[in-house]
């Protein structure tokens, strides 16, 4: 199992609702699924093809592909109309209690790093 498996809660986001700060990854071999209480979700094969990303707000047309970047790291690449729009790099600390999420939004040229604690 990948260290990303489990429920996580973002830290230091004063402007997000509690629902938007909590998310869960399930990893079973090469199968990974993500969901959060706002309705965002996907189920994909690690190092497999892009799959539909369900957006809880009802926006459709986004896909995500998940690649393993190491024992405790995954990369999610998001596409819309076949073009990469953003990617997230998820890395779990050696103690398994903290995840660093690096997000790069190619549409607006911004990058952000956040931290989540395992619940």
PDB file of N, CA and C in Angstrom:
ATOM      1  N   UNK A   1       0.835  -1.194   0.000  1.00  0.00           N
ATOM      2  CA  UNK A   1       0.000   0.000   0.000  1.00  0.00           C
ATOM      3  C   UNK A   1       0.871   1.246   0.000  1.00  0.00           C
ATOM      4  N   UNK A   2       0.404   2.270  -0.637  1.00  0.00           N
ATOM      5  CA  UNK A   2       1.105   3.544  -0.681  1.00  0.00           C
ATOM      6  C   UNK A   2       0.817   4.324   0.593  1.00  0.00           C
ATOM      7  N   UNK A   3       1.780   5.073   1.075  1.00  0.00           N
ATOM      8  CA  UNK A   3       1.614   5.851   2.303  1.00  0.00           C
ATOM      9  C   UNK A   3       0.536   6.915   2.186  1.00  0.00           C
ATOM     10  N   UNK A   4       0.116   7.273   0.975  1.00  0.00           N
ATOM     11  CA  UNK A   4      -0.934   8.274   0.801  1.00  0.00           C
ATOM     12  C   UNK A   4      -2.298   7.757   1.239  1.00  0.00           C
ATOM     13  N   UNK A   5      -2.440   6.438   1.370  1.00  0.00           N
ATOM     14  CA  UNK A   5      -3.720   5.861   1.773  1.00  0.00           C
ATOM     15  C   UNK A   5      -4.118   6.372   3.151  1.00  0.00           C
ATOM     16  N   UNK A   6      -5.377   6.740   3.289  1.00  0.00           N
ATOM     17  CA  UNK A   6      -5.905   7.215   4.560  1.00  0.00           C
ATOM     18  C   UNK A   6      -6.636   8.525   4.410  1.00  0.00           C
ATOM     19  N   UNK A   7      -7.167   9.003   5.528  1.00  0.00           N
ATOM     20  CA  UNK A   7      -7.855  10.290   5.556  1.00  0.00           C
ATOM     21  C   UNK A   7      -6.894  11.372   6.008  1.00  0.00           C
ATOM     22  N   UNK A   8      -7.008  12.538   5.370  1.00  0.00           N
ATOM     23  CA  UNK A   8      -6.090  13.648   5.616  1.00  0.00           C
ATOM     24  C   UNK A   8      -6.878  14.926   5.819  1.00  0.00           C
ATOM     25  N   UNK A   9      -6.294  15.868   6.566  1.00  0.00           N
ATOM     26  CA  UNK A   9      -6.915  17.176   6.782  1.00  0.00           C
ATOM     27  C   UNK A   9      -5.874  18.257   6.551  1.00  0.00           C
ATOM     28  N   UNK A  10      -6.206  19.192   5.642  1.00  0.00           N
ATOM     29  CA  UNK A  10      -5.310  20.304   5.343  1.00  0.00           C
ATOM     30  C   UNK A  10      -5.131  21.190   6.556  1.00  0.00           C
ATOM     31  N   UNK A  11      -3.949  21.786   6.672  1.00  0.00           N
ATOM     32  CA  UNK A  11      -3.652  22.727   7.746  1.00  0.00           C
ATOM     33  C   UNK A  11      -3.572  24.140   7.172  1.00  0.00           C
ATOM     34  N   UNK A  12      -3.842  25.124   8.012  1.00  0.00           N
ATOM     35  CA  UNK A  12      -3.596  26.533   7.712  1.00  0.00           C
ATOM     36  C   UNK A  12      -4.365  27.075   6.514  1.00  0.00           C
ATOM     37  N   UNK A  13      -5.640  26.723   6.380  1.00  0.00           N
ATOM     38  CA  UNK A  13      -6.494  27.284   5.341  1.00  0.00           C
ATOM     39  C   UNK A  13      -7.700  27.930   6.007  1.00  0.00           C
ATOM     40  N   UNK A  14      -7.576  29.190   6.366  1.00  0.00           N
ATOM     41  CA  UNK A  14      -8.626  29.891   7.097  1.00  0.00           C
ATOM     42  C   UNK A  14      -9.876  30.110   6.255  1.00  0.00           C
ATOM     43  N   UNK A  15      -9.746  30.169   4.934  1.00  0.00           N
ATOM     44  CA  UNK A  15     -10.891  30.500   4.085  1.00  0.00           C
ATOM     45  C   UNK A  15     -11.594  29.281   3.489  1.00  0.00           C
ATOM     46  N   UNK A  16     -11.268  28.077   3.936  1.00  0.00           N
ATOM     47  CA  UNK A  16     -11.921  26.870   3.426  1.00  0.00           C
ATOM     48  C   UNK A  16     -12.870  26.306   4.477  1.00  0.00           C
ATOM     49  N   UNK A  17     -13.978  25.735   4.013  1.00  0.00           N
ATOM     50  CA  UNK A  17     -14.888  25.056   4.933  1.00  0.00           C
ATOM     51  C   UNK A  17     -14.234  23.775   5.433  1.00  0.00           C
ATOM     52  N   UNK A  18     -14.732  23.257   6.548  1.00  0.00           N
ATOM     53  CA  UNK A  18     -14.193  22.010   7.102  1.00  0.00           C
ATOM     54  C   UNK A  18     -14.301  20.877   6.084  1.00  0.00           C
ATOM     55  N   UNK A  19     -15.409  20.852   5.300  1.00  0.00           N
ATOM     56  CA  UNK A  19     -15.587  19.809   4.283  1.00  0.00           C
ATOM     57  C   UNK A  19     -14.505  19.869   3.219  1.00  0.00           C
ATOM     58  N   UNK A  20     -14.086  21.059   2.843  1.00  0.00           N
ATOM     59  CA  UNK A  20     -13.090  21.211   1.783  1.00  0.00           C
ATOM     60  C   UNK A  20     -11.684  20.889   2.266  1.00  0.00           C
ATOM     61  N   UNK A  21     -11.509  20.775   3.573  1.00  0.00           N
ATOM     62  CA  UNK A  21     -10.169  20.548   4.118  1.00  0.00           C
ATOM     63  C   UNK A  21      -9.859  19.074   4.364  1.00  0.00           C
ATOM     64  N   UNK A  22     -10.857  18.214   4.276  1.00  0.00           N
ATOM     65  CA  UNK A  22     -10.672  16.796   4.572  1.00  0.00           C
ATOM     66  C   UNK A  22     -10.810  15.976   3.291  1.00  0.00           C
ATOM     67  N   UNK A  23      -9.928  14.999   3.108  1.00  0.00           N
ATOM     68  CA  UNK A  23      -9.979  14.154   1.920  1.00  0.00           C
ATOM     69  C   UNK A  23      -9.416  12.785   2.251  1.00  0.00           C
ATOM     70  N   UNK A  24      -9.772  11.794   1.429  1.00  0.00           N
ATOM     71  CA  UNK A  24      -9.357  10.412   1.672  1.00  0.00           C
ATOM     72  C   UNK A  24      -8.811   9.789   0.399  1.00  0.00           C
ATOM     73  N   UNK A  25      -7.704   9.082   0.549  1.00  0.00           N
ATOM     74  CA  UNK A  25      -7.146   8.262  -0.522  1.00  0.00           C
ATOM     75  C   UNK A  25      -7.217   6.805  -0.087  1.00  0.00           C
ATOM     76  N   UNK A  26      -7.620   5.934  -0.994  1.00  0.00           N
ATOM     77  CA  UNK A  26      -7.556   4.491  -0.777  1.00  0.00           C
ATOM     78  C   UNK A  26      -6.622   3.944  -1.841  1.00  0.00           C
ATOM     79  N   UNK A  27      -5.650   3.158  -1.416  1.00  0.00           N
ATOM     80  CA  UNK A  27      -4.697   2.566  -2.348  1.00  0.00           C
ATOM     81  C   UNK A  27      -4.684   1.067  -2.115  1.00  0.00           C
ATOM     82  N   UNK A  28      -4.967   0.313  -3.169  1.00  0.00           N
ATOM     83  CA  UNK A  28      -4.962  -1.139  -3.119  1.00  0.00           C
ATOM     84  C   UNK A  28      -4.174  -1.625  -4.323  1.00  0.00           C
ATOM     85  N   UNK A  29      -2.911  -1.961  -4.108  1.00  0.00           N
ATOM     86  CA  UNK A  29      -2.050  -2.329  -5.222  1.00  0.00           C
ATOM     87  C   UNK A  29      -1.859  -1.134  -6.128  1.00  0.00           C
ATOM     88  N   UNK A  30      -2.269  -1.251  -7.394  1.00  0.00           N
ATOM     89  CA  UNK A  30      -2.170  -0.143  -8.345  1.00  0.00           C
ATOM     90  C   UNK A  30      -3.474   0.624  -8.495  1.00  0.00           C
ATOM     91  N   UNK A  31      -4.481   0.303  -7.688  1.00  0.00           N
ATOM     92  CA  UNK A  31      -5.751   1.020  -7.733  1.00  0.00           C
ATOM     93  C   UNK A  31      -5.740   2.113  -6.674  1.00  0.00           C
ATOM     94  N   UNK A  32      -6.095   3.324  -7.072  1.00  0.00           N
ATOM     95  CA  UNK A  32      -6.170   4.441  -6.135  1.00  0.00           C
ATOM     96  C   UNK A  32      -7.504   5.140  -6.325  1.00  0.00           C
ATOM     97  N   UNK A  33      -8.115   5.514  -5.203  1.00  0.00           N
ATOM     98  CA  UNK A  33      -9.332   6.319  -5.282  1.00  0.00           C
ATOM     99  C   UNK A  33      -9.202   7.484  -4.321  1.00  0.00           C
ATOM    100  N   UNK A  34      -9.816   8.573  -4.712  1.00  0.00           N
ATOM    101  CA  UNK A  34      -9.800   9.808  -3.941  1.00  0.00           C
ATOM    102  C   UNK A  34     -11.231  10.277  -3.782  1.00  0.00           C
ATOM    103  N   UNK A  35     -11.557  10.817  -2.608  1.00  0.00           N
ATOM    104  CA  UNK A  35     -12.847  11.487  -2.434  1.00  0.00           C
ATOM    105  C   UNK A  35     -12.755  12.480  -1.293  1.00  0.00           C
ATOM    106  N   UNK A  36     -13.664  13.442  -1.331  1.00  0.00           N
ATOM    107  CA  UNK A  36     -13.771  14.393  -0.239  1.00  0.00           C
ATOM    108  C   UNK A  36     -15.253  14.677   0.015  1.00  0.00           C
ATOM    109  N   UNK A  37     -15.581  15.268   1.144  1.00  0.00           N
ATOM    110  CA  UNK A  37     -16.994  15.500   1.481  1.00  0.00           C
ATOM    111  C   UNK A  37     -17.730  16.467   0.552  1.00  0.00           C
ATOM    112  N   UNK A  38     -17.016  17.213  -0.302  1.00  0.00           N
ATOM    113  CA  UNK A  38     -17.687  18.130  -1.223  1.00  0.00           C
ATOM    114  C   UNK A  38     -18.175  17.425  -2.483  1.00  0.00           C
ATOM    115  N   UNK A  39     -17.815  16.131  -2.645  1.00  0.00           N
ATOM    116  CA  UNK A  39     -18.253  15.364  -3.809  1.00  0.00           C
ATOM    117  C   UNK A  39     -17.202  15.170  -4.877  1.00  0.00           C
ATOM    118  N   UNK A  40     -16.006  15.716  -4.685  1.00  0.00           N
ATOM    119  CA  UNK A  40     -14.921  15.478  -5.638  1.00  0.00           C
ATOM    120  C   UNK A  40     -14.440  14.038  -5.474  1.00  0.00           C
ATOM    121  N   UNK A  41     -14.162  13.355  -6.604  1.00  0.00           N
ATOM    122  CA  UNK A  41     -13.706  11.974  -6.502  1.00  0.00           C
ATOM    123  C   UNK A  41     -13.145  11.471  -7.824  1.00  0.00           C
ATOM    124  N   UNK A  42     -12.376  10.391  -7.727  1.00  0.00           N
ATOM    125  CA  UNK A  42     -11.943   9.631  -8.892  1.00  0.00           C
ATOM    126  C   UNK A  42     -11.474   8.266  -8.430  1.00  0.00           C
ATOM    127  N   UNK A  43     -11.428   7.316  -9.353  1.00  0.00           N
ATOM    128  CA  UNK A  43     -10.819   6.005  -9.147  1.00  0.00           C
ATOM    129  C   UNK A  43      -9.957   5.741 -10.372  1.00  0.00           C
ATOM    130  N   UNK A  44      -8.677   5.429 -10.146  1.00  0.00           N
ATOM    131  CA  UNK A  44      -7.730   5.280 -11.260  1.00  0.00           C
ATOM    132  C   UNK A  44      -6.730   4.177 -10.975  1.00  0.00           C
ATOM    133  N   UNK A  45      -6.026   3.776 -12.022  1.00  0.00           N
ATOM    134  CA  UNK A  45      -4.885   2.871 -11.911  1.00  0.00           C
ATOM    135  C   UNK A  45      -3.629   3.728 -11.828  1.00  0.00           C
ATOM    136  N   UNK A  46      -2.756   3.427 -10.887  1.00  0.00           N
ATOM    137  CA  UNK A  46      -1.482   4.127 -10.805  1.00  0.00           C
ATOM    138  C   UNK A  46      -0.674   3.774 -12.046  1.00  0.00           C
ATOM    139  N   UNK A  47      -0.127   4.784 -12.697  1.00  0.00           N
ATOM    140  CA  UNK A  47       0.615   4.649 -13.953  1.00  0.00           C
ATOM    141  C   UNK A  47      -0.279   4.179 -15.094  1.00  0.00           C
ATOM    142  N   UNK A  48      -1.585   4.398 -14.958  1.00  0.00           N
ATOM    143  CA  UNK A  48      -2.541   3.996 -15.986  1.00  0.00           C
ATOM    144  C   UNK A  48      -3.065   5.187 -16.770  1.00  0.00           C
ATOM    145  N   UNK A  49      -4.140   4.964 -17.499  1.00  0.00           N
ATOM    146  CA  UNK A  49      -4.756   5.995 -18.326  1.00  0.00           C
ATOM    147  C   UNK A  49      -5.497   7.027 -17.476  1.00  0.00           C
ATOM    148  N   UNK A  50      -5.728   8.194 -18.049  1.00  0.00           N
ATOM    149  CA  UNK A  50      -6.523   9.226 -17.394  1.00  0.00           C
ATOM    150  C   UNK A  50      -7.965   8.746 -17.262  1.00  0.00           C
ATOM    151  N   UNK A  51      -8.590   9.137 -16.157  1.00  0.00           N
ATOM    152  CA  UNK A  51      -9.977   8.761 -15.871  1.00  0.00           C
ATOM    153  C   UNK A  51     -10.780  10.032 -15.570  1.00  0.00           C
ATOM    154  N   UNK A  52     -12.113   9.961 -15.683  1.00  0.00           N
ATOM    155  CA  UNK A  52     -12.919  11.138 -15.350  1.00  0.00           C
ATOM    156  C   UNK A  52     -12.750  11.548 -13.883  1.00  0.00           C
ATOM    157  N   UNK A  53     -12.688  12.844 -13.671  1.00  0.00           N
ATOM    158  CA  UNK A  53     -12.645  13.415 -12.333  1.00  0.00           C
ATOM    159  C   UNK A  53     -14.027  13.980 -12.053  1.00  0.00           C
ATOM    160  N   UNK A  54     -14.668  13.493 -11.008  1.00  0.00           N
ATOM    161  CA  UNK A  54     -15.988  13.979 -10.635  1.00  0.00           C
ATOM    162  C   UNK A  54     -15.813  15.194  -9.745  1.00  0.00           C
ATOM    163  N   UNK A  55     -16.357  16.306 -10.189  1.00  0.00           N
ATOM    164  CA  UNK A  55     -16.275  17.561  -9.456  1.00  0.00           C
ATOM    165  C   UNK A  55     -17.586  17.748  -8.704  1.00  0.00           C
ATOM    166  N   UNK A  56     -17.511  17.891  -7.398  1.00  0.00           N
ATOM    167  CA  UNK A  56     -18.705  18.029  -6.577  1.00  0.00           C
ATOM    168  C   UNK A  56     -19.567  19.217  -6.926  1.00  0.00           C
ATOM    169  N   UNK A  57     -19.016  20.205  -7.613  1.00  0.00           N
ATOM    170  CA  UNK A  57     -19.805  21.378  -7.997  1.00  0.00           C
ATOM    171  C   UNK A  57     -20.535  21.170  -9.316  1.00  0.00           C
ATOM    172  N   UNK A  58     -20.344  19.999  -9.949  1.00  0.00           N
ATOM    173  CA  UNK A  58     -21.051  19.686 -11.181  1.00  0.00           C
ATOM    174  C   UNK A  58     -20.305  20.000 -12.462  1.00  0.00           C
ATOM    175  N   UNK A  59     -19.100  20.539 -12.366  1.00  0.00           N
ATOM    176  CA  UNK A  59     -18.297  20.820 -13.558  1.00  0.00           C
ATOM    177  C   UNK A  59     -17.805  19.490 -14.123  1.00  0.00           C
ATOM    178  N   UNK A  60     -17.977  19.287 -15.421  1.00  0.00           N
ATOM    179  CA  UNK A  60     -17.564  18.031 -16.049  1.00  0.00           C
ATOM    180  C   UNK A  60     -16.453  18.286 -17.059  1.00  0.00           C
ATOM    181  N   UNK A  61     -15.833  17.201 -17.523  1.00  0.00           N
ATOM    182  CA  UNK A  61     -14.833  17.297 -18.586  1.00  0.00           C
ATOM    183  C   UNK A  61     -13.391  17.243 -18.128  1.00  0.00           C
ATOM    184  N   UNK A  62     -13.156  17.165 -16.832  1.00  0.00           N
ATOM    185  CA  UNK A  62     -11.784  17.065 -16.337  1.00  0.00           C
ATOM    186  C   UNK A  62     -11.426  15.602 -16.166  1.00  0.00           C
ATOM    187  N   UNK A  63     -10.183  15.258 -16.525  1.00  0.00           N
ATOM    188  CA  UNK A  63      -9.674  13.913 -16.288  1.00  0.00           C
ATOM    189  C   UNK A  63      -8.436  14.021 -15.409  1.00  0.00           C
ATOM    190  N   UNK A  64      -8.075  12.898 -14.797  1.00  0.00           N
ATOM    191  CA  UNK A  64      -6.882  12.842 -13.962  1.00  0.00           C
ATOM    192  C   UNK A  64      -6.157  11.525 -14.227  1.00  0.00           C
ATOM    193  N   UNK A  65      -4.845  11.597 -14.298  1.00  0.00           N
ATOM    194  CA  UNK A  65      -3.990  10.413 -14.381  1.00  0.00           C
ATOM    195  C   UNK A  65      -3.080  10.444 -13.148  1.00  0.00           C
ATOM    196  N   UNK A  66      -2.856   9.288 -12.555  1.00  0.00           N
ATOM    197  CA  UNK A  66      -2.064   9.197 -11.338  1.00  0.00           C
ATOM    198  C   UNK A  66      -0.819   8.366 -11.619  1.00  0.00           C
ATOM    199  N   UNK A  67       0.333   8.909 -11.259  1.00  0.00           N
ATOM    200  CA  UNK A  67       1.599   8.204 -11.434  1.00  0.00           C
ATOM    201  C   UNK A  67       2.334   8.104 -10.110  1.00  0.00           C
ATOM    202  N   UNK A  68       3.012   6.993  -9.931  1.00  0.00           N
ATOM    203  CA  UNK A  68       3.837   6.805  -8.738  1.00  0.00           C
ATOM    204  C   UNK A  68       5.145   7.555  -8.958  1.00  0.00           C
ATOM    205  N   UNK A  69       5.551   8.333  -7.969  1.00  0.00           N
ATOM    206  CA  UNK A  69       6.818   9.054  -8.053  1.00  0.00           C
ATOM    207  C   UNK A  69       7.843   8.499  -7.073  1.00  0.00           C
ATOM    208  N   UNK A  70       7.461   7.516  -6.345  1.00  0.00           N
ATOM    209  CA  UNK A  70       8.331   6.914  -5.336  1.00  0.00           C
ATOM    210  C   UNK A  70       7.465   6.135  -4.380  1.00  0.00           C
ATOM    211  N   UNK A  71       8.087   5.499  -3.428  1.00  0.00           N
ATOM    212  CA  UNK A  71       7.361   4.650  -2.485  1.00  0.00           C
ATOM    213  C   UNK A  71       6.229   5.403  -1.795  1.00  0.00           C
ATOM    214  N   UNK A  72       6.472   6.646  -1.414  1.00  0.00           N
ATOM    215  CA  UNK A  72       5.503   7.408  -0.645  1.00  0.00           C
ATOM    216  C   UNK A  72       5.058   8.682  -1.358  1.00  0.00           C
ATOM    217  N   UNK A  73       5.044   8.653  -2.693  1.00  0.00           N
ATOM    218  CA  UNK A  73       4.701   9.858  -3.449  1.00  0.00           C
ATOM    219  C   UNK A  73       3.898   9.511  -4.698  1.00  0.00           C
ATOM    220  N   UNK A  74       2.871  10.327  -4.942  1.00  0.00           N
ATOM    221  CA  UNK A  74       2.045  10.194  -6.139  1.00  0.00           C
ATOM    222  C   UNK A  74       1.963  11.542  -6.836  1.00  0.00           C
ATOM    223  N   UNK A  75       1.723  11.495  -8.143  1.00  0.00           N
ATOM    224  CA  UNK A  75       1.505  12.727  -8.906  1.00  0.00           C
ATOM    225  C   UNK A  75       0.196  12.585  -9.660  1.00  0.00           C
ATOM    226  N   UNK A  76      -0.703  13.564  -9.465  1.00  0.00           N
ATOM    227  CA  UNK A  76      -1.965  13.620 -10.168  1.00  0.00           C
ATOM    228  C   UNK A  76      -1.834  14.682 -11.264  1.00  0.00           C
ATOM    229  N   UNK A  77      -2.128  14.297 -12.502  1.00  0.00           N
ATOM    230  CA  UNK A  77      -2.075  15.244 -13.616  1.00  0.00           C
ATOM    231  C   UNK A  77      -3.487  15.428 -14.144  1.00  0.00           C
ATOM    232  N   UNK A  78      -3.958  16.668 -14.105  1.00  0.00           N
ATOM    233  CA  UNK A  78      -5.317  17.007 -14.510  1.00  0.00           C
ATOM    234  C   UNK A  78      -5.316  17.579 -15.923  1.00  0.00           C
ATOM    235  N   UNK A  79      -6.288  17.124 -16.732  1.00  0.00           N
ATOM    236  CA  UNK A  79      -6.418  17.592 -18.108  1.00  0.00           C
ATOM    237  C   UNK A  79      -7.850  18.023 -18.363  1.00  0.00           C
ATOM    238  N   UNK A  80      -7.975  18.974 -19.240  1.00  0.00           N
ATOM    239  CA  UNK A  80      -9.279  19.417 -19.731  1.00  0.00           C
ATOM    240  C   UNK A  80      -9.120  19.623 -21.228  1.00  0.00           C
ATOM    241  N   UNK A  81     -10.013  19.036 -22.012  1.00  0.00           N
ATOM    242  CA  UNK A  81      -9.928  19.101 -23.476  1.00  0.00           C
ATOM    243  C   UNK A  81      -8.567  18.597 -23.961  1.00  0.00           C
ATOM    244  N   UNK A  82      -8.024  17.597 -23.281  1.00  0.00           N
ATOM    245  CA  UNK A  82      -6.756  16.994 -23.681  1.00  0.00           C
ATOM    246  C   UNK A  82      -5.514  17.756 -23.282  1.00  0.00           C
ATOM    247  N   UNK A  83      -5.670  18.924 -22.672  1.00  0.00           N
ATOM    248  CA  UNK A  83      -4.510  19.741 -22.291  1.00  0.00           C
ATOM    249  C   UNK A  83      -4.318  19.728 -20.776  1.00  0.00           C
ATOM    250  N   UNK A  84      -3.067  19.584 -20.351  1.00  0.00           N
ATOM    251  CA  UNK A  84      -2.767  19.603 -18.919  1.00  0.00           C
ATOM    252  C   UNK A  84      -3.105  20.980 -18.362  1.00  0.00           C
ATOM    253  N   UNK A  85      -3.916  20.991 -17.294  1.00  0.00           N
ATOM    254  CA  UNK A  85      -4.292  22.247 -16.648  1.00  0.00           C
ATOM    255  C   UNK A  85      -3.571  22.444 -15.321  1.00  0.00           C
ATOM    256  N   UNK A  86      -3.283  21.319 -14.641  1.00  0.00           N
ATOM    257  CA  UNK A  86      -2.584  21.407 -13.362  1.00  0.00           C
ATOM    258  C   UNK A  86      -2.074  20.037 -12.971  1.00  0.00           C
ATOM    259  N   UNK A  87      -1.198  20.043 -11.980  1.00  0.00           N
ATOM    260  CA  UNK A  87      -0.759  18.776 -11.403  1.00  0.00           C
ATOM    261  C   UNK A  87      -0.481  18.975  -9.926  1.00  0.00           C
ATOM    262  N   UNK A  88      -0.695  17.889  -9.182  1.00  0.00           N
ATOM    263  CA  UNK A  88      -0.421  17.856  -7.750  1.00  0.00           C
ATOM    264  C   UNK A  88       0.599  16.767  -7.485  1.00  0.00           C
ATOM    265  N   UNK A  89       1.586  17.089  -6.676  1.00  0.00           N
ATOM    266  CA  UNK A  89       2.558  16.111  -6.209  1.00  0.00           C
ATOM    267  C   UNK A  89       2.287  15.889  -4.730  1.00  0.00           C
ATOM    268  N   UNK A  90       1.990  14.642  -4.358  1.00  0.00           N
ATOM    269  CA  UNK A  90       1.636  14.282  -2.987  1.00  0.00           C
ATOM    270  C   UNK A  90       2.770  13.457  -2.398  1.00  0.00           C
ATOM    271  N   UNK A  91       3.384  13.943  -1.328  1.00  0.00           N
ATOM    272  CA  UNK A  91       4.495  13.225  -0.710  1.00  0.00           C
ATOM    273  C   UNK A  91       4.239  13.073   0.779  1.00  0.00           C
ATOM    274  N   UNK A  92       4.259  11.833   1.248  1.00  0.00           N
ATOM    275  CA  UNK A  92       4.043  11.552   2.663  1.00  0.00           C
ATOM    276  C   UNK A  92       5.394  11.495   3.360  1.00  0.00           C
ATOM    277  N   UNK A  93       5.481  12.168   4.516  1.00  0.00           N
ATOM    278  CA  UNK A  93       6.712  12.190   5.310  1.00  0.00           C
ATOM    279  C   UNK A  93       7.049  10.789   5.808  1.00  0.00           C
ATOM    280  N   UNK A  94       8.302  10.584   6.141  1.00  0.00           N
ATOM    281  CA  UNK A  94       8.778   9.273   6.595  1.00  0.00           C
ATOM    282  C   UNK A  94       7.998   8.764   7.810  1.00  0.00           C
ATOM    283  N   UNK A  95       7.509   9.674   8.662  1.00  0.00           N
ATOM    284  CA  UNK A  95       6.759   9.238   9.842  1.00  0.00           C
ATOM    285  C   UNK A  95       5.324   8.846   9.513  1.00  0.00           C
ATOM    286  N   UNK A  96       4.878   9.088   8.263  1.00  0.00           N
ATOM    287  CA  UNK A  96       3.541   8.708   7.814  1.00  0.00           C
ATOM    288  C   UNK A  96       2.431   9.593   8.327  1.00  0.00           C
ATOM    289  N   UNK A  97       2.760  10.678   9.018  1.00  0.00           N
ATOM    290  CA  UNK A  97       1.735  11.510   9.658  1.00  0.00           C
ATOM    291  C   UNK A  97       1.438  12.810   8.924  1.00  0.00           C
ATOM    292  N   UNK A  98       2.291  13.202   7.975  1.00  0.00           N
ATOM    293  CA  UNK A  98       2.136  14.474   7.283  1.00  0.00           C
ATOM    294  C   UNK A  98       2.298  14.269   5.777  1.00  0.00           C
ATOM    295  N   UNK A  99       1.438  14.930   5.008  1.00  0.00           N
ATOM    296  CA  UNK A  99       1.523  14.898   3.553  1.00  0.00           C
ATOM    297  C   UNK A  99       1.788  16.316   3.055  1.00  0.00           C
ATOM    298  N   UNK A 100       2.760  16.467   2.166  1.00  0.00           N
ATOM    299  CA  UNK A 100       3.016  17.743   1.499  1.00  0.00           C
ATOM    300  C   UNK A 100       2.403  17.668   0.109  1.00  0.00           C
ATOM    301  N   UNK A 101       1.617  18.670  -0.230  1.00  0.00           N
ATOM    302  CA  UNK A 101       0.934  18.720  -1.519  1.00  0.00           C
ATOM    303  C   UNK A 101       1.447  19.940  -2.268  1.00  0.00           C
ATOM    304  N   UNK A 102       2.086  19.693  -3.398  1.00  0.00           N
ATOM    305  CA  UNK A 102       2.556  20.782  -4.253  1.00  0.00           C
ATOM    306  C   UNK A 102       1.639  20.832  -5.459  1.00  0.00           C
ATOM    307  N   UNK A 103       0.956  21.962  -5.634  1.00  0.00           N
ATOM    308  CA  UNK A 103       0.026  22.146  -6.729  1.00  0.00           C
ATOM    309  C   UNK A 103       0.594  23.165  -7.700  1.00  0.00           C
ATOM    310  N   UNK A 104       0.546  22.839  -8.975  1.00  0.00           N
ATOM    311  CA  UNK A 104       0.975  23.752 -10.033  1.00  0.00           C
ATOM    312  C   UNK A 104      -0.189  23.922 -10.996  1.00  0.00           C
ATOM    313  N   UNK A 105      -0.734  25.138 -11.050  1.00  0.00           N
ATOM    314  CA  UNK A 105      -1.848  25.458 -11.925  1.00  0.00           C
ATOM    315  C   UNK A 105      -1.287  26.123 -13.174  1.00  0.00           C
ATOM    316  N   UNK A 106      -1.312  25.413 -14.288  1.00  0.00           N
ATOM    317  CA  UNK A 106      -0.729  25.917 -15.522  1.00  0.00           C
ATOM    318  C   UNK A 106      -1.596  26.991 -16.173  1.00  0.00           C
ATOM    319  N   UNK A 107      -2.890  27.020 -15.860  1.00  0.00           N
ATOM    320  CA  UNK A 107      -3.783  28.018 -16.452  1.00  0.00           C
ATOM    321  C   UNK A 107      -3.460  29.429 -15.944  1.00  0.00           C
ATOM    322  N   UNK A 108      -3.161  29.553 -14.645  1.00  0.00           N
ATOM    323  CA  UNK A 108      -2.884  30.880 -14.109  1.00  0.00           C
ATOM    324  C   UNK A 108      -1.413  31.078 -13.721  1.00  0.00           C
ATOM    325  N   UNK A 109      -0.590  30.045 -13.947  1.00  0.00           N
ATOM    326  CA  UNK A 109       0.837  30.158 -13.676  1.00  0.00           C
ATOM    327  C   UNK A 109       1.204  30.201 -12.204  1.00  0.00           C
ATOM    328  N   UNK A 110       0.320  29.729 -11.336  1.00  0.00           N
ATOM    329  CA  UNK A 110       0.576  29.776  -9.898  1.00  0.00           C
ATOM    330  C   UNK A 110       0.908  28.408  -9.340  1.00  0.00           C
ATOM    331  N   UNK A 111       1.732  28.423  -8.303  1.00  0.00           N
ATOM    332  CA  UNK A 111       2.071  27.206  -7.577  1.00  0.00           C
ATOM    333  C   UNK A 111       1.760  27.427  -6.106  1.00  0.00           C
ATOM    334  N   UNK A 112       1.419  26.345  -5.425  1.00  0.00           N
ATOM    335  CA  UNK A 112       1.083  26.423  -4.014  1.00  0.00           C
ATOM    336  C   UNK A 112       1.539  25.139  -3.339  1.00  0.00           C
ATOM    337  N   UNK A 113       2.046  25.262  -2.135  1.00  0.00           N
ATOM    338  CA  UNK A 113       2.403  24.098  -1.337  1.00  0.00           C
ATOM    339  C   UNK A 113       1.566  24.122  -0.073  1.00  0.00           C
ATOM    340  N   UNK A 114       0.953  23.002   0.248  1.00  0.00           N
ATOM    341  CA  UNK A 114       0.156  22.890   1.471  1.00  0.00           C
ATOM    342  C   UNK A 114       0.534  21.604   2.202  1.00  0.00           C
ATOM    343  N   UNK A 115       0.103  21.534   3.434  1.00  0.00           N
ATOM    344  CA  UNK A 115       0.407  20.385   4.284  1.00  0.00           C
ATOM    345  C   UNK A 115      -0.887  19.832   4.861  1.00  0.00           C
ATOM    346  N   UNK A 116      -0.967  18.508   4.961  1.00  0.00           N
ATOM    347  CA  UNK A 116      -2.130  17.859   5.555  1.00  0.00           C
ATOM    348  C   UNK A 116      -1.658  16.873   6.620  1.00  0.00           C
ATOM    349  N   UNK A 117      -2.451  16.731   7.662  1.00  0.00           N
ATOM    350  CA  UNK A 117      -2.162  15.768   8.724  1.00  0.00           C
ATOM    351  C   UNK A 117      -3.048  14.544   8.563  1.00  0.00           C
ATOM    352  N   UNK A 118      -2.487  13.370   8.812  1.00  0.00           N
ATOM    353  CA  UNK A 118      -3.257  12.134   8.731  1.00  0.00           C
ATOM    354  C   UNK A 118      -4.252  12.111   9.897  1.00  0.00           C
ATOM    355  N   UNK A 119      -5.451  11.710   9.597  1.00  0.00           N
ATOM    356  CA  UNK A 119      -6.512  11.671  10.613  1.00  0.00           C
ATOM    357  C   UNK A 119      -6.664  10.289  11.205  1.00  0.00           C
TER     358      UNK A 119
END
